[in-house]
Amino acid sequence: MTTPLSKAAIPGNRKVPHWCLSITSATDCPSRGTDLCQAGESCYALRTEKRRPNVLAARRDRERFWDAHGAAAIAEAIMSQQAKARSPERKRRILRFNVSGDFRDQADVDKMATIAHTLTRNRWLVYGYTSRTNLDLRGLVNVATVNVSNDKHDPPPQVNRFRMVRKATSELVCNGNCRHCSMCLVAEGRTIEVVKH
């Protein structure tokens, strides 16, 4: 059964207190197993899906939802969800894309750019992640903060880069808790390290 349009985005959790929208599961991630992905089996979203089959099923349902609805309908539904929310955290106008999985093709990137454009015109902040530097990210970068996780294919210069490391070598290190950090929300072309665990 496909997710209803009234639940276009899902609320985050204690560590990610933002509205979340993913296209694919980590299991079905188009970057998985390619030289674009640096996480491999260390992918936190993949580990969750392996431990909890219901999470994988829900994420696959989200992919069907994405395919069934246009960008305008999804953007409007996200804004409606936020407007009806009661908790202060859910009142925030922040959308995170690609919590699990990645863009499958250029059409997905362009659709997310359209959603982000609508949301930012309505005073939302939109940010997210991708390994798909082999796709044209320029339209999305113009309306959202994009964090890429590889140095391939020369992504636009203003994107932030995530580098997975075994031990931190810089002061810019992801602490794994978006509640207390905003490094990913601002496009400054910086490199942020993520320590594998």
N, C-alpha and C. Protein backbone atom coordinates (compact mmCIF):
# COMPACT_ATOMS: atom_id res chain seq x y z
N MET A 1 0.84 -1.19 0.00
CA MET A 1 0.00 0.00 0.00
C MET A 1 0.88 1.24 0.00
N THR A 2 0.54 2.21 -0.82
CA THR A 2 1.35 3.41 -0.94
C THR A 2 0.99 4.43 0.14
N THR A 3 2.00 5.11 0.64
CA THR A 3 1.82 6.17 1.62
C THR A 3 0.84 7.22 1.09
N PRO A 4 -0.12 7.67 1.91
CA PRO A 4 -1.04 8.71 1.43
C PRO A 4 -0.32 10.05 1.29
N LEU A 5 -0.83 10.89 0.42
CA LEU A 5 -0.22 12.18 0.16
C LEU A 5 -0.18 13.04 1.41
N SER A 6 -1.09 12.81 2.33
CA SER A 6 -1.12 13.59 3.58
C SER A 6 0.09 13.32 4.46
N LYS A 7 0.90 12.29 4.10
CA LYS A 7 2.11 11.97 4.86
C LYS A 7 3.31 12.02 3.92
N ALA A 8 3.44 13.13 3.22
CA ALA A 8 4.49 13.28 2.20
C ALA A 8 5.90 13.16 2.79
N ALA A 9 6.11 13.76 3.93
CA ALA A 9 7.40 13.67 4.60
C ALA A 9 7.17 13.02 5.96
N ILE A 10 8.23 12.45 6.50
CA ILE A 10 8.08 11.86 7.83
C ILE A 10 8.84 12.73 8.83
N PRO A 11 8.31 12.84 10.04
CA PRO A 11 9.03 13.62 11.04
C PRO A 11 10.32 12.90 11.41
N GLY A 12 11.32 13.67 11.75
CA GLY A 12 12.60 13.09 12.14
C GLY A 12 12.53 12.47 13.52
N ASN A 13 13.69 12.28 14.10
CA ASN A 13 13.79 11.67 15.42
C ASN A 13 14.59 12.57 16.36
N ARG A 14 15.05 12.04 17.47
CA ARG A 14 15.79 12.87 18.43
C ARG A 14 17.06 13.46 17.85
N LYS A 15 17.72 12.71 16.97
CA LYS A 15 18.97 13.20 16.39
C LYS A 15 18.77 14.05 15.15
N VAL A 16 17.67 13.83 14.46
CA VAL A 16 17.37 14.58 13.23
C VAL A 16 15.98 15.18 13.38
N PRO A 17 15.87 16.35 14.01
CA PRO A 17 14.55 16.93 14.27
C PRO A 17 14.00 17.73 13.09
N HIS A 18 14.07 17.17 11.89
CA HIS A 18 13.61 17.85 10.68
C HIS A 18 12.64 16.94 9.94
N TRP A 19 11.88 17.50 9.02
CA TRP A 19 11.05 16.70 8.14
C TRP A 19 11.97 15.95 7.19
N CYS A 20 11.66 14.71 6.88
CA CYS A 20 12.56 13.86 6.09
C CYS A 20 11.83 13.28 4.88
N LEU A 21 12.55 13.24 3.76
CA LEU A 21 12.00 12.70 2.52
C LEU A 21 13.08 11.91 1.81
N SER A 22 12.83 10.63 1.58
CA SER A 22 13.77 9.78 0.85
C SER A 22 13.10 9.22 -0.38
N ILE A 23 13.90 8.93 -1.38
CA ILE A 23 13.38 8.36 -2.62
C ILE A 23 13.48 6.84 -2.59
N THR A 24 14.62 6.32 -2.16
CA THR A 24 14.82 4.87 -2.14
C THR A 24 15.26 4.41 -0.76
N SER A 25 15.21 3.13 -0.57
CA SER A 25 15.78 2.53 0.63
C SER A 25 17.30 2.46 0.45
N ALA A 26 18.01 2.19 1.52
CA ALA A 26 19.45 1.98 1.41
C ALA A 26 19.74 0.66 0.69
N THR A 27 18.90 -0.33 0.91
CA THR A 27 19.06 -1.63 0.25
C THR A 27 19.02 -1.48 -1.26
N ASP A 28 18.14 -0.61 -1.74
CA ASP A 28 17.95 -0.40 -3.17
C ASP A 28 18.68 0.84 -3.69
N CYS A 29 19.57 1.38 -2.89
CA CYS A 29 20.27 2.62 -3.25
C CYS A 29 21.05 2.45 -4.55
N PRO A 30 20.85 3.35 -5.52
CA PRO A 30 21.55 3.22 -6.79
C PRO A 30 23.05 3.48 -6.70
N SER A 31 23.50 4.08 -5.61
CA SER A 31 24.94 4.32 -5.44
C SER A 31 25.64 3.14 -4.75
N ARG A 32 24.85 2.33 -4.08
CA ARG A 32 25.41 1.21 -3.33
C ARG A 32 26.17 0.26 -4.25
N GLY A 33 27.36 -0.12 -3.86
CA GLY A 33 28.16 -1.05 -4.64
C GLY A 33 28.87 -0.42 -5.82
N THR A 34 28.81 0.92 -5.93
CA THR A 34 29.53 1.61 -7.00
C THR A 34 30.69 2.39 -6.39
N ASP A 35 31.54 2.94 -7.26
CA ASP A 35 32.65 3.74 -6.74
C ASP A 35 32.20 5.11 -6.27
N LEU A 36 30.90 5.42 -6.41
CA LEU A 36 30.37 6.68 -5.90
C LEU A 36 30.12 6.63 -4.40
N CYS A 37 29.88 5.45 -3.87
CA CYS A 37 29.54 5.28 -2.45
C CYS A 37 30.78 4.95 -1.64
N GLN A 38 31.02 5.71 -0.60
CA GLN A 38 32.16 5.41 0.26
C GLN A 38 31.74 4.72 1.56
N ALA A 39 30.44 4.57 1.79
CA ALA A 39 29.98 3.96 3.04
C ALA A 39 30.00 2.44 2.98
N GLY A 40 29.58 1.87 1.87
CA GLY A 40 29.53 0.41 1.76
C GLY A 40 28.65 -0.19 2.83
N GLU A 41 29.12 -1.25 3.46
CA GLU A 41 28.34 -1.92 4.51
C GLU A 41 28.30 -1.11 5.80
N SER A 42 29.07 -0.01 5.88
CA SER A 42 29.03 0.87 7.06
C SER A 42 27.86 1.85 7.01
N CYS A 43 27.07 1.82 5.96
CA CYS A 43 25.94 2.74 5.81
C CYS A 43 24.96 2.52 6.96
N TYR A 44 24.71 3.59 7.71
CA TYR A 44 23.83 3.47 8.88
C TYR A 44 22.40 3.12 8.45
N ALA A 45 21.94 3.67 7.32
CA ALA A 45 20.58 3.38 6.86
C ALA A 45 20.44 1.91 6.45
N LEU A 46 21.48 1.36 5.86
CA LEU A 46 21.46 -0.04 5.45
C LEU A 46 21.44 -0.95 6.68
N ARG A 47 22.23 -0.62 7.68
CA ARG A 47 22.24 -1.44 8.90
C ARG A 47 20.87 -1.46 9.56
N THR A 48 20.19 -0.32 9.57
CA THR A 48 18.85 -0.26 10.15
C THR A 48 17.89 -1.17 9.40
N GLU A 49 17.98 -1.16 8.06
CA GLU A 49 17.08 -1.99 7.26
C GLU A 49 17.35 -3.47 7.45
N LYS A 50 18.61 -3.83 7.69
CA LYS A 50 18.94 -5.24 7.92
C LYS A 50 18.42 -5.70 9.28
N ARG A 51 18.46 -4.83 10.27
CA ARG A 51 18.01 -5.19 11.61
C ARG A 51 16.49 -5.17 11.73
N ARG A 52 15.84 -4.30 10.94
CA ARG A 52 14.40 -4.12 11.06
C ARG A 52 13.73 -4.22 9.69
N PRO A 53 13.25 -5.37 9.32
CA PRO A 53 12.61 -5.54 8.01
C PRO A 53 11.44 -4.59 7.76
N ASN A 54 10.75 -4.19 8.83
CA ASN A 54 9.62 -3.26 8.66
C ASN A 54 10.10 -1.89 8.16
N VAL A 55 11.34 -1.50 8.51
CA VAL A 55 11.90 -0.24 8.02
C VAL A 55 12.13 -0.31 6.52
N LEU A 56 12.69 -1.43 6.05
CA LEU A 56 12.90 -1.61 4.62
C LEU A 56 11.56 -1.55 3.87
N ALA A 57 10.55 -2.22 4.40
CA ALA A 57 9.23 -2.21 3.75
C ALA A 57 8.66 -0.80 3.68
N ALA A 58 8.81 -0.05 4.76
CA ALA A 58 8.30 1.33 4.79
C ALA A 58 9.05 2.20 3.79
N ARG A 59 10.36 2.02 3.68
CA ARG A 59 11.13 2.83 2.74
C ARG A 59 10.81 2.47 1.29
N ARG A 60 10.53 1.23 1.04
CA ARG A 60 10.11 0.85 -0.32
C ARG A 60 8.74 1.43 -0.64
N ASP A 61 7.90 1.53 0.36
CA ASP A 61 6.60 2.17 0.18
C ASP A 61 6.79 3.64 -0.14
N ARG A 62 7.78 4.29 0.49
CA ARG A 62 8.07 5.70 0.23
C ARG A 62 8.51 5.89 -1.23
N GLU A 63 9.24 4.92 -1.77
CA GLU A 63 9.65 5.02 -3.18
C GLU A 63 8.44 4.97 -4.10
N ARG A 64 7.49 4.10 -3.80
CA ARG A 64 6.26 4.04 -4.58
C ARG A 64 5.49 5.37 -4.47
N PHE A 65 5.50 5.94 -3.27
CA PHE A 65 4.85 7.24 -3.05
C PHE A 65 5.51 8.31 -3.94
N TRP A 66 6.83 8.34 -3.94
CA TRP A 66 7.57 9.32 -4.74
C TRP A 66 7.20 9.21 -6.22
N ASP A 67 7.13 7.99 -6.70
CA ASP A 67 6.82 7.77 -8.11
C ASP A 67 5.36 8.10 -8.46
N ALA A 68 4.48 8.01 -7.48
CA ALA A 68 3.05 8.20 -7.74
C ALA A 68 2.60 9.65 -7.73
N HIS A 69 3.43 10.56 -7.20
CA HIS A 69 3.00 11.95 -7.04
C HIS A 69 3.99 12.92 -7.67
N GLY A 70 3.48 14.00 -8.19
CA GLY A 70 4.32 15.03 -8.79
C GLY A 70 4.96 15.94 -7.76
N ALA A 71 5.93 16.72 -8.19
CA ALA A 71 6.68 17.60 -7.29
C ALA A 71 5.78 18.62 -6.61
N ALA A 72 4.87 19.24 -7.35
CA ALA A 72 4.01 20.26 -6.77
C ALA A 72 3.13 19.68 -5.66
N ALA A 73 2.57 18.50 -5.91
CA ALA A 73 1.70 17.87 -4.91
C ALA A 73 2.49 17.49 -3.66
N ILE A 74 3.71 16.99 -3.84
CA ILE A 74 4.54 16.62 -2.69
C ILE A 74 4.90 17.85 -1.88
N ALA A 75 5.33 18.91 -2.55
CA ALA A 75 5.70 20.14 -1.83
C ALA A 75 4.52 20.71 -1.05
N GLU A 76 3.37 20.77 -1.67
CA GLU A 76 2.17 21.29 -1.00
C GLU A 76 1.81 20.41 0.20
N ALA A 77 1.92 19.10 0.05
CA ALA A 77 1.58 18.19 1.14
C ALA A 77 2.55 18.35 2.31
N ILE A 78 3.83 18.54 2.01
CA ILE A 78 4.81 18.75 3.09
C ILE A 78 4.48 20.03 3.86
N MET A 79 4.17 21.10 3.14
CA MET A 79 3.84 22.36 3.82
C MET A 79 2.56 22.22 4.63
N SER A 80 1.61 21.45 4.14
CA SER A 80 0.37 21.23 4.87
C SER A 80 0.63 20.43 6.16
N GLN A 81 1.48 19.40 6.05
CA GLN A 81 1.83 18.62 7.25
C GLN A 81 2.44 19.52 8.32
N GLN A 82 3.38 20.36 7.89
CA GLN A 82 4.07 21.24 8.83
C GLN A 82 3.09 22.22 9.47
N ALA A 83 2.17 22.76 8.67
CA ALA A 83 1.20 23.73 9.18
C ALA A 83 0.28 23.11 10.23
N LYS A 84 -0.01 21.82 10.09
CA LYS A 84 -0.90 21.13 11.03
C LYS A 84 -0.18 20.58 12.26
N ALA A 85 1.15 20.60 12.24
CA ALA A 85 1.92 20.01 13.33
C ALA A 85 1.71 20.80 14.61
N ARG A 86 1.81 20.09 15.73
CA ARG A 86 1.60 20.74 17.02
C ARG A 86 2.89 20.95 17.79
N SER A 87 3.82 20.01 17.69
CA SER A 87 5.05 20.14 18.49
C SER A 87 5.94 21.22 17.89
N PRO A 88 6.69 21.94 18.73
CA PRO A 88 7.57 23.01 18.25
C PRO A 88 8.59 22.50 17.23
N GLU A 89 9.12 21.30 17.45
CA GLU A 89 10.12 20.78 16.50
C GLU A 89 9.52 20.53 15.13
N ARG A 90 8.30 20.06 15.09
CA ARG A 90 7.66 19.77 13.80
C ARG A 90 7.15 21.05 13.14
N LYS A 91 7.17 22.13 13.87
CA LYS A 91 6.81 23.42 13.29
C LYS A 91 7.97 24.00 12.50
N ARG A 92 9.17 23.46 12.69
CA ARG A 92 10.33 23.95 11.95
C ARG A 92 10.14 23.72 10.46
N ARG A 93 10.59 24.65 9.68
CA ARG A 93 10.49 24.54 8.22
C ARG A 93 11.83 24.09 7.66
N ILE A 94 12.17 22.87 7.97
CA ILE A 94 13.43 22.29 7.48
C ILE A 94 13.13 20.91 6.90
N LEU A 95 13.56 20.69 5.67
CA LEU A 95 13.39 19.38 5.03
C LEU A 95 14.76 18.80 4.72
N ARG A 96 14.95 17.55 5.10
CA ARG A 96 16.16 16.81 4.78
C ARG A 96 15.80 15.75 3.74
N PHE A 97 16.52 15.73 2.63
CA PHE A 97 16.25 14.72 1.62
C PHE A 97 17.35 13.66 1.60
N ASN A 98 16.98 12.48 1.12
CA ASN A 98 17.87 11.31 1.03
C ASN A 98 18.44 10.90 2.38
N VAL A 99 17.55 10.69 3.33
CA VAL A 99 17.96 10.14 4.62
C VAL A 99 18.45 8.72 4.40
N SER A 100 17.78 8.01 3.52
CA SER A 100 18.25 6.69 3.07
C SER A 100 18.28 6.71 1.55
N GLY A 101 19.09 5.87 0.96
CA GLY A 101 19.13 5.77 -0.49
C GLY A 101 19.68 7.01 -1.17
N ASP A 102 19.34 7.15 -2.45
CA ASP A 102 19.89 8.24 -3.24
C ASP A 102 19.01 8.47 -4.47
N PHE A 103 19.37 9.48 -5.25
CA PHE A 103 18.68 9.73 -6.51
C PHE A 103 18.94 8.58 -7.47
N ARG A 104 17.91 8.15 -8.17
CA ARG A 104 18.08 7.07 -9.13
C ARG A 104 18.56 7.59 -10.49
N ASP A 105 18.12 8.80 -10.82
CA ASP A 105 18.43 9.34 -12.14
C ASP A 105 18.26 10.86 -12.11
N GLN A 106 18.48 11.49 -13.26
CA GLN A 106 18.38 12.94 -13.34
C GLN A 106 16.96 13.43 -13.06
N ALA A 107 15.97 12.64 -13.44
CA ALA A 107 14.58 13.04 -13.18
C ALA A 107 14.32 13.20 -11.68
N ASP A 108 14.92 12.33 -10.86
CA ASP A 108 14.77 12.45 -9.40
C ASP A 108 15.41 13.74 -8.89
N VAL A 109 16.60 14.07 -9.40
CA VAL A 109 17.28 15.30 -8.99
C VAL A 109 16.42 16.51 -9.36
N ASP A 110 15.92 16.52 -10.57
CA ASP A 110 15.13 17.65 -11.05
C ASP A 110 13.82 17.78 -10.26
N LYS A 111 13.21 16.65 -9.92
CA LYS A 111 11.98 16.67 -9.12
C LYS A 111 12.26 17.23 -7.73
N MET A 112 13.37 16.80 -7.12
CA MET A 112 13.71 17.32 -5.79
C MET A 112 14.01 18.81 -5.87
N ALA A 113 14.65 19.26 -6.96
CA ALA A 113 14.92 20.69 -7.12
C ALA A 113 13.62 21.48 -7.20
N THR A 114 12.62 20.94 -7.87
CA THR A 114 11.32 21.61 -7.97
C THR A 114 10.65 21.69 -6.61
N ILE A 115 10.71 20.59 -5.86
CA ILE A 115 10.15 20.59 -4.50
C ILE A 115 10.88 21.62 -3.63
N ALA A 116 12.21 21.61 -3.70
CA ALA A 116 13.01 22.54 -2.89
C ALA A 116 12.72 23.98 -3.28
N HIS A 117 12.55 24.24 -4.56
CA HIS A 117 12.25 25.60 -5.02
C HIS A 117 10.93 26.09 -4.41
N THR A 118 9.91 25.24 -4.43
CA THR A 118 8.62 25.61 -3.85
C THR A 118 8.76 25.86 -2.35
N LEU A 119 9.46 24.97 -1.67
CA LEU A 119 9.60 25.12 -0.22
C LEU A 119 10.41 26.37 0.15
N THR A 120 11.51 26.61 -0.54
CA THR A 120 12.34 27.77 -0.19
C THR A 120 11.60 29.08 -0.47
N ARG A 121 10.76 29.10 -1.48
CA ARG A 121 9.93 30.29 -1.73
C ARG A 121 8.98 30.54 -0.56
N ASN A 122 8.69 29.48 0.19
CA ASN A 122 7.81 29.57 1.36
C ASN A 122 8.60 29.54 2.67
N ARG A 123 9.84 30.00 2.60
CA ARG A 123 10.71 30.19 3.78
C ARG A 123 11.10 28.88 4.48
N TRP A 124 11.30 27.86 3.69
CA TRP A 124 11.83 26.60 4.21
C TRP A 124 13.32 26.54 3.92
N LEU A 125 14.01 25.78 4.72
CA LEU A 125 15.40 25.45 4.45
C LEU A 125 15.42 24.00 4.01
N VAL A 126 16.07 23.71 2.89
CA VAL A 126 16.12 22.35 2.35
C VAL A 126 17.58 21.94 2.22
N TYR A 127 17.89 20.75 2.72
CA TYR A 127 19.25 20.22 2.61
C TYR A 127 19.18 18.71 2.48
N GLY A 128 20.27 18.13 2.03
CA GLY A 128 20.30 16.68 1.93
C GLY A 128 21.62 16.17 1.42
N TYR A 129 21.62 14.89 1.06
CA TYR A 129 22.85 14.18 0.76
C TYR A 129 22.73 13.40 -0.54
N THR A 130 23.86 13.24 -1.20
CA THR A 130 23.90 12.39 -2.39
C THR A 130 25.32 11.94 -2.67
N SER A 131 25.42 10.78 -3.28
CA SER A 131 26.69 10.31 -3.84
C SER A 131 26.68 10.47 -5.35
N ARG A 132 25.55 10.90 -5.91
CA ARG A 132 25.36 10.91 -7.35
C ARG A 132 26.00 12.14 -8.02
N THR A 133 27.29 12.25 -7.88
CA THR A 133 28.01 13.35 -8.52
C THR A 133 28.13 13.13 -10.02
N ASN A 134 27.66 12.01 -10.52
CA ASN A 134 27.64 11.76 -11.97
C ASN A 134 26.36 12.31 -12.60
N LEU A 135 25.50 12.94 -11.79
CA LEU A 135 24.30 13.60 -12.29
C LEU A 135 24.49 15.12 -12.19
N ASP A 136 23.69 15.87 -12.90
CA ASP A 136 23.78 17.34 -12.89
C ASP A 136 23.05 17.86 -11.66
N LEU A 137 23.79 18.34 -10.68
CA LEU A 137 23.22 18.80 -9.42
C LEU A 137 23.00 20.31 -9.38
N ARG A 138 23.35 21.02 -10.44
CA ARG A 138 23.34 22.48 -10.41
C ARG A 138 21.96 23.06 -10.09
N GLY A 139 20.90 22.52 -10.66
CA GLY A 139 19.56 23.04 -10.38
C GLY A 139 19.17 22.85 -8.93
N LEU A 140 19.57 21.75 -8.33
CA LEU A 140 19.27 21.50 -6.93
C LEU A 140 20.13 22.37 -6.02
N VAL A 141 21.38 22.54 -6.37
CA VAL A 141 22.30 23.35 -5.57
C VAL A 141 21.81 24.80 -5.50
N ASN A 142 21.10 25.26 -6.51
CA ASN A 142 20.59 26.63 -6.53
C ASN A 142 19.48 26.87 -5.51
N VAL A 143 18.83 25.81 -5.02
CA VAL A 143 17.69 25.98 -4.11
C VAL A 143 17.82 25.18 -2.81
N ALA A 144 18.89 24.45 -2.66
CA ALA A 144 19.06 23.62 -1.45
C ALA A 144 20.55 23.48 -1.13
N THR A 145 20.84 23.13 0.11
CA THR A 145 22.20 22.81 0.48
C THR A 145 22.42 21.33 0.17
N VAL A 146 23.40 21.06 -0.66
CA VAL A 146 23.68 19.68 -1.07
C VAL A 146 25.01 19.26 -0.45
N ASN A 147 24.98 18.11 0.19
CA ASN A 147 26.17 17.52 0.80
C ASN A 147 26.51 16.27 0.01
N VAL A 148 27.69 16.23 -0.60
CA VAL A 148 28.08 15.08 -1.41
C VAL A 148 29.11 14.25 -0.66
N SER A 149 29.14 12.96 -0.97
CA SER A 149 30.01 12.06 -0.22
C SER A 149 31.10 11.43 -1.07
N ASN A 150 31.54 12.15 -2.09
CA ASN A 150 32.73 11.70 -2.83
C ASN A 150 33.32 12.89 -3.57
N ASP A 151 34.50 12.70 -4.13
CA ASP A 151 35.18 13.77 -4.86
C ASP A 151 35.19 13.52 -6.35
N LYS A 152 34.29 12.71 -6.84
CA LYS A 152 34.27 12.34 -8.26
C LYS A 152 33.43 13.29 -9.09
N HIS A 153 33.76 13.39 -10.35
CA HIS A 153 32.95 14.10 -11.34
C HIS A 153 32.77 15.59 -11.09
N ASP A 154 33.61 16.20 -10.27
CA ASP A 154 33.58 17.65 -10.06
C ASP A 154 32.19 18.22 -9.79
N PRO A 155 31.61 17.94 -8.63
CA PRO A 155 30.31 18.54 -8.31
C PRO A 155 30.47 20.06 -8.18
N PRO A 156 29.38 20.81 -8.19
CA PRO A 156 29.47 22.26 -8.06
C PRO A 156 30.29 22.65 -6.83
N PRO A 157 31.05 23.75 -6.91
CA PRO A 157 31.98 24.10 -5.83
C PRO A 157 31.33 24.44 -4.50
N GLN A 158 30.07 24.88 -4.49
CA GLN A 158 29.47 25.30 -3.22
C GLN A 158 28.93 24.14 -2.38
N VAL A 159 28.97 22.92 -2.90
CA VAL A 159 28.48 21.80 -2.10
C VAL A 159 29.45 21.50 -0.97
N ASN A 160 28.91 20.98 0.12
CA ASN A 160 29.76 20.46 1.19
C ASN A 160 30.14 19.03 0.82
N ARG A 161 31.30 18.61 1.24
CA ARG A 161 31.74 17.25 0.95
C ARG A 161 31.86 16.48 2.27
N PHE A 162 31.36 15.26 2.24
CA PHE A 162 31.49 14.37 3.39
C PHE A 162 32.55 13.34 3.07
N ARG A 163 33.47 13.17 3.98
CA ARG A 163 34.53 12.19 3.78
C ARG A 163 34.51 11.22 4.96
N MET A 164 34.32 9.93 4.66
CA MET A 164 34.34 8.92 5.72
C MET A 164 35.78 8.59 6.07
N VAL A 165 36.05 8.61 7.37
CA VAL A 165 37.41 8.35 7.87
C VAL A 165 37.34 7.39 9.04
N ARG A 166 38.45 6.71 9.30
CA ARG A 166 38.52 5.83 10.48
C ARG A 166 38.83 6.61 11.74
N LYS A 167 39.57 7.73 11.56
CA LYS A 167 39.92 8.59 12.69
C LYS A 167 39.90 10.03 12.20
N ALA A 168 39.32 10.92 13.00
CA ALA A 168 39.19 12.33 12.61
C ALA A 168 40.56 12.98 12.43
N THR A 169 40.69 13.77 11.37
CA THR A 169 41.94 14.49 11.12
C THR A 169 41.68 16.00 11.02
N SER A 170 40.46 16.42 11.30
CA SER A 170 40.07 17.81 11.13
C SER A 170 39.18 18.23 12.29
N GLU A 171 38.90 19.52 12.39
CA GLU A 171 37.98 20.00 13.42
C GLU A 171 36.53 19.91 12.95
N LEU A 172 36.32 19.76 11.63
CA LEU A 172 34.97 19.65 11.10
C LEU A 172 34.59 18.17 11.03
N VAL A 173 33.98 17.69 12.11
CA VAL A 173 33.62 16.28 12.22
C VAL A 173 32.14 16.19 12.56
N CYS A 174 31.43 15.35 11.82
CA CYS A 174 30.01 15.13 12.09
C CYS A 174 29.88 14.45 13.45
N ASN A 175 29.04 15.04 14.32
CA ASN A 175 28.85 14.43 15.64
C ASN A 175 27.64 13.50 15.66
N GLY A 176 26.98 13.35 14.50
CA GLY A 176 25.87 12.40 14.40
C GLY A 176 24.58 12.87 15.05
N ASN A 177 24.50 14.15 15.42
CA ASN A 177 23.30 14.65 16.06
C ASN A 177 22.96 16.03 15.50
N CYS A 178 21.99 16.06 14.61
CA CYS A 178 21.60 17.31 13.94
C CYS A 178 20.91 18.29 14.88
N ARG A 179 20.51 17.81 16.04
CA ARG A 179 19.86 18.69 17.02
C ARG A 179 20.83 19.76 17.52
N HIS A 180 22.11 19.42 17.58
CA HIS A 180 23.10 20.33 18.14
C HIS A 180 24.10 20.84 17.12
N CYS A 181 23.80 20.69 15.83
CA CYS A 181 24.76 21.06 14.81
C CYS A 181 24.03 21.52 13.56
N SER A 182 24.64 22.44 12.82
CA SER A 182 24.01 22.92 11.57
C SER A 182 25.00 22.93 10.41
N MET A 183 26.11 22.17 10.50
CA MET A 183 27.11 22.17 9.44
C MET A 183 26.50 21.78 8.09
N CYS A 184 25.61 20.82 8.07
CA CYS A 184 25.04 20.32 6.82
C CYS A 184 24.00 21.26 6.23
N LEU A 185 23.52 22.18 7.03
CA LEU A 185 22.44 23.05 6.58
C LEU A 185 22.92 24.23 5.75
N VAL A 186 24.21 24.52 5.82
CA VAL A 186 24.75 25.70 5.15
C VAL A 186 25.76 25.28 4.09
N ALA A 187 25.54 25.73 2.87
CA ALA A 187 26.45 25.39 1.76
C ALA A 187 27.65 26.32 1.79
N GLU A 188 28.78 25.80 2.23
CA GLU A 188 29.99 26.62 2.31
C GLU A 188 31.17 25.97 1.62
N GLY A 189 30.93 24.88 0.91
CA GLY A 189 32.02 24.22 0.20
C GLY A 189 33.08 23.63 1.12
N ARG A 190 32.70 23.25 2.32
CA ARG A 190 33.67 22.71 3.26
C ARG A 190 33.65 21.18 3.25
N THR A 191 34.69 20.61 3.80
CA THR A 191 34.77 19.15 3.92
C THR A 191 34.52 18.77 5.37
N ILE A 192 33.55 17.89 5.55
CA ILE A 192 33.17 17.44 6.89
C ILE A 192 33.50 15.97 6.99
N GLU A 193 34.20 15.58 8.03
CA GLU A 193 34.57 14.18 8.20
C GLU A 193 33.49 13.42 8.97
N VAL A 194 33.28 12.19 8.59
CA VAL A 194 32.36 11.30 9.28
C VAL A 194 33.18 10.08 9.69
N VAL A 195 33.26 9.85 10.99
CA VAL A 195 34.06 8.73 11.49
C VAL A 195 33.24 7.45 11.38
N LYS A 196 33.78 6.45 10.70
CA LYS A 196 33.09 5.16 10.57
C LYS A 196 32.95 4.54 11.95
N HIS A 197 31.81 3.95 12.20
CA HIS A 197 31.59 3.25 13.47
C HIS A 197 30.75 2.02 13.24
